[in-house]
Amino acid sequence: MQELKAVHSGKVEIIPGTICDGYVLNDGTAVMSERGTADLLGMNHKALQSMATTGVPKTLKPLINKDFSMATTLVKVTAKNSPYKGRKIAVYDWPSVVQKVL
């Protein structure tokens, strides 16, 4: 299996007025960076990272689908216009994020 790479970088406005980092991977998948996802959710990046390891707080579990997953994918950024070029970042498949939020 080939290593996934973020080959295109840009800004995504899913919710009007909220601009997030988005990427397209070398397999054509559209994703949002972990930081972009935190921006979309209006939460601190560290809090999102914490939820990825400790799970969703019990008080929120009744509000989300049972199949919800906070699994991230680690990808190498090769997009020329990204400030993270050459680094590995955690990303979420953006359609999944949007369906869970909206």
C-alpha atoms as a PDB file:
ATOM      1  CA  MET A   1       0.000   0.000   0.000  1.00  0.00           C
ATOM      2  CA  GLN A   2       1.397   3.399  -0.945  1.00  0.00           C
ATOM      3  CA  GLU A   3       1.874   6.157   1.613  1.00  0.00           C
ATOM      4  CA  LEU A   4      -0.930   8.698   1.603  1.00  0.00           C
ATOM      5  CA  LYS A   5       0.180  12.236   0.803  1.00  0.00           C
ATOM      6  CA  ALA A   6      -1.626  15.564   0.961  1.00  0.00           C
ATOM      7  CA  VAL A   7      -0.895  16.793  -2.560  1.00  0.00           C
ATOM      8  CA  HIS A   8      -3.238  19.811  -2.682  1.00  0.00           C
ATOM      9  CA  SER A   9      -3.913  22.334   0.064  1.00  0.00           C
ATOM     10  CA  GLY A  10      -6.604  24.969   0.341  1.00  0.00           C
ATOM     11  CA  LYS A  11      -9.197  26.671   2.512  1.00  0.00           C
ATOM     12  CA  VAL A  12     -12.670  25.227   2.995  1.00  0.00           C
ATOM     13  CA  GLU A  13     -15.780  27.144   4.108  1.00  0.00           C
ATOM     14  CA  ILE A  14     -18.370  24.521   5.082  1.00  0.00           C
ATOM     15  CA  ILE A  15     -20.136  26.744   7.591  1.00  0.00           C
ATOM     16  CA  PRO A  16     -20.407  30.376   6.421  1.00  0.00           C
ATOM     17  CA  GLY A  17     -17.723  32.473   8.091  1.00  0.00           C
ATOM     18  CA  THR A  18     -15.680  29.488   9.309  1.00  0.00           C
ATOM     19  CA  ILE A  19     -12.586  28.945   7.154  1.00  0.00           C
ATOM     20  CA  CYS A  20     -10.719  25.657   7.677  1.00  0.00           C
ATOM     21  CA  ASP A  21      -7.640  23.958   6.241  1.00  0.00           C
ATOM     22  CA  GLY A  22      -8.479  21.286   3.707  1.00  0.00           C
ATOM     23  CA  TYR A  23      -6.384  18.901   1.635  1.00  0.00           C
ATOM     24  CA  VAL A  24      -6.773  16.455  -1.235  1.00  0.00           C
ATOM     25  CA  LEU A  25      -4.797  13.240  -0.920  1.00  0.00           C
ATOM     26  CA  ASN A  26      -2.957  11.447  -3.699  1.00  0.00           C
ATOM     27  CA  ASP A  27      -5.821   8.905  -3.835  1.00  0.00           C
ATOM     28  CA  GLY A  28      -8.354  11.710  -4.501  1.00  0.00           C
ATOM     29  CA  THR A  29      -9.875  11.757  -1.002  1.00  0.00           C
ATOM     30  CA  ALA A  30     -10.886  15.172   0.366  1.00  0.00           C
ATOM     31  CA  VAL A  31      -9.820  15.600   4.000  1.00  0.00           C
ATOM     32  CA  MET A  32      -9.622  18.247   6.685  1.00  0.00           C
ATOM     33  CA  SER A  33      -6.611  18.728   8.876  1.00  0.00           C
ATOM     34  CA  GLU A  34      -7.005  18.060  12.558  1.00  0.00           C
ATOM     35  CA  ARG A  35      -6.589  21.801  13.187  1.00  0.00           C
ATOM     36  CA  GLY A  36      -9.155  22.580  10.483  1.00  0.00           C
ATOM     37  CA  THR A  37     -11.600  20.177  12.088  1.00  0.00           C
ATOM     38  CA  ALA A  38     -11.093  21.843  15.470  1.00  0.00           C
ATOM     39  CA  ASP A  39     -11.787  25.231  13.825  1.00  0.00           C
ATOM     40  CA  LEU A  40     -14.954  23.859  12.222  1.00  0.00           C
ATOM     41  CA  LEU A  41     -16.156  22.541  15.565  1.00  0.00           C
ATOM     42  CA  GLY A  42     -15.224  25.794  17.319  1.00  0.00           C
ATOM     43  CA  MET A  43     -12.994  24.023  19.794  1.00  0.00           C
ATOM     44  CA  ASN A  44      -9.395  24.099  20.939  1.00  0.00           C
ATOM     45  CA  HIS A  45      -7.052  21.872  18.917  1.00  0.00           C
ATOM     46  CA  LYS A  46      -5.666  20.261  22.092  1.00  0.00           C
ATOM     47  CA  ALA A  47      -9.189  19.398  23.265  1.00  0.00           C
ATOM     48  CA  LEU A  48      -9.870  17.624  19.957  1.00  0.00           C
ATOM     49  CA  GLN A  49      -6.602  15.693  20.279  1.00  0.00           C
ATOM     50  CA  SER A  50      -7.596  14.706  23.803  1.00  0.00           C
ATOM     51  CA  MET A  51     -10.989  13.449  22.605  1.00  0.00           C
ATOM     52  CA  ALA A  52      -9.255  11.338  19.968  1.00  0.00           C
ATOM     53  CA  THR A  53      -7.398   9.457  22.719  1.00  0.00           C
ATOM     54  CA  THR A  54      -9.931   9.513  25.575  1.00  0.00           C
ATOM     55  CA  GLY A  55     -13.105   9.311  23.512  1.00  0.00           C
ATOM     56  CA  VAL A  56     -16.162  11.508  23.241  1.00  0.00           C
ATOM     57  CA  PRO A  57     -17.398  12.823  26.609  1.00  0.00           C
ATOM     58  CA  LYS A  58     -20.294  10.795  28.008  1.00  0.00           C
ATOM     59  CA  THR A  59     -22.556  13.856  27.958  1.00  0.00           C
ATOM     60  CA  LEU A  60     -22.199  14.093  24.153  1.00  0.00           C
ATOM     61  CA  LYS A  61     -22.650  10.401  23.324  1.00  0.00           C
ATOM     62  CA  PRO A  62     -26.486  10.570  23.162  1.00  0.00           C
ATOM     63  CA  LEU A  63     -26.201  13.356  20.564  1.00  0.00           C
ATOM     64  CA  ILE A  64     -24.020  11.549  18.009  1.00  0.00           C
ATOM     65  CA  ASN A  65     -24.410   8.489  15.808  1.00  0.00           C
ATOM     66  CA  LYS A  66     -23.296   5.187  17.311  1.00  0.00           C
ATOM     67  CA  ASP A  67     -20.995   4.567  14.316  1.00  0.00           C
ATOM     68  CA  PHE A  68     -19.120   7.842  14.938  1.00  0.00           C
ATOM     69  CA  SER A  69     -15.354   7.431  14.863  1.00  0.00           C
ATOM     70  CA  MET A  70     -12.633   9.892  15.750  1.00  0.00           C
ATOM     71  CA  ALA A  71     -10.030   7.900  13.843  1.00  0.00           C
ATOM     72  CA  THR A  72      -7.450  10.053  12.102  1.00  0.00           C
ATOM     73  CA  THR A  73      -5.125   9.245   9.244  1.00  0.00           C
ATOM     74  CA  LEU A  74      -1.515  10.395   9.303  1.00  0.00           C
ATOM     75  CA  VAL A  75      -0.391  11.785   5.932  1.00  0.00           C
ATOM     76  CA  LYS A  76       2.731  13.458   4.611  1.00  0.00           C
ATOM     77  CA  VAL A  77       2.119  16.953   3.230  1.00  0.00           C
ATOM     78  CA  THR A  78       3.634  17.497  -0.212  1.00  0.00           C
ATOM     79  CA  ALA A  79       1.343  20.375  -1.288  1.00  0.00           C
ATOM     80  CA  LYS A  80       3.577  23.245  -2.386  1.00  0.00           C
ATOM     81  CA  ASN A  81       1.380  25.978  -0.884  1.00  0.00           C
ATOM     82  CA  SER A  82       1.017  24.398   2.574  1.00  0.00           C
ATOM     83  CA  PRO A  83       2.974  25.758   5.546  1.00  0.00           C
ATOM     84  CA  TYR A  84       3.194  22.137   6.718  1.00  0.00           C
ATOM     85  CA  LYS A  85       4.987  20.871   3.585  1.00  0.00           C
ATOM     86  CA  GLY A  86       7.357  18.035   4.472  1.00  0.00           C
ATOM     87  CA  ARG A  87       5.590  17.258   7.764  1.00  0.00           C
ATOM     88  CA  LYS A  88       3.112  14.563   8.686  1.00  0.00           C
ATOM     89  CA  ILE A  89      -0.284  15.754   9.871  1.00  0.00           C
ATOM     90  CA  ALA A  90      -3.417  14.080  11.180  1.00  0.00           C
ATOM     91  CA  VAL A  91      -6.464  14.388   8.926  1.00  0.00           C
ATOM     92  CA  TYR A  92     -10.140  13.462   8.981  1.00  0.00           C
ATOM     93  CA  ASP A  93     -12.203  12.432   5.968  1.00  0.00           C
ATOM     94  CA  TRP A  94     -14.196  15.675   5.577  1.00  0.00           C
ATOM     95  CA  PRO A  95     -17.555  14.256   4.418  1.00  0.00           C
ATOM     96  CA  SER A  96     -17.652  12.230   7.644  1.00  0.00           C
ATOM     97  CA  VAL A  97     -16.870  15.292   9.727  1.00  0.00           C
ATOM     98  CA  VAL A  98     -19.528  17.379   7.998  1.00  0.00           C
ATOM     99  CA  GLN A  99     -22.204  14.709   8.366  1.00  0.00           C
ATOM    100  CA  LYS A 100     -21.487  14.452  12.089  1.00  0.00           C
ATOM    101  CA  VAL A 101     -21.498  18.236  12.629  1.00  0.00           C
ATOM    102  CA  LEU A 102     -24.417  19.213  10.426  1.00  0.00           C
END
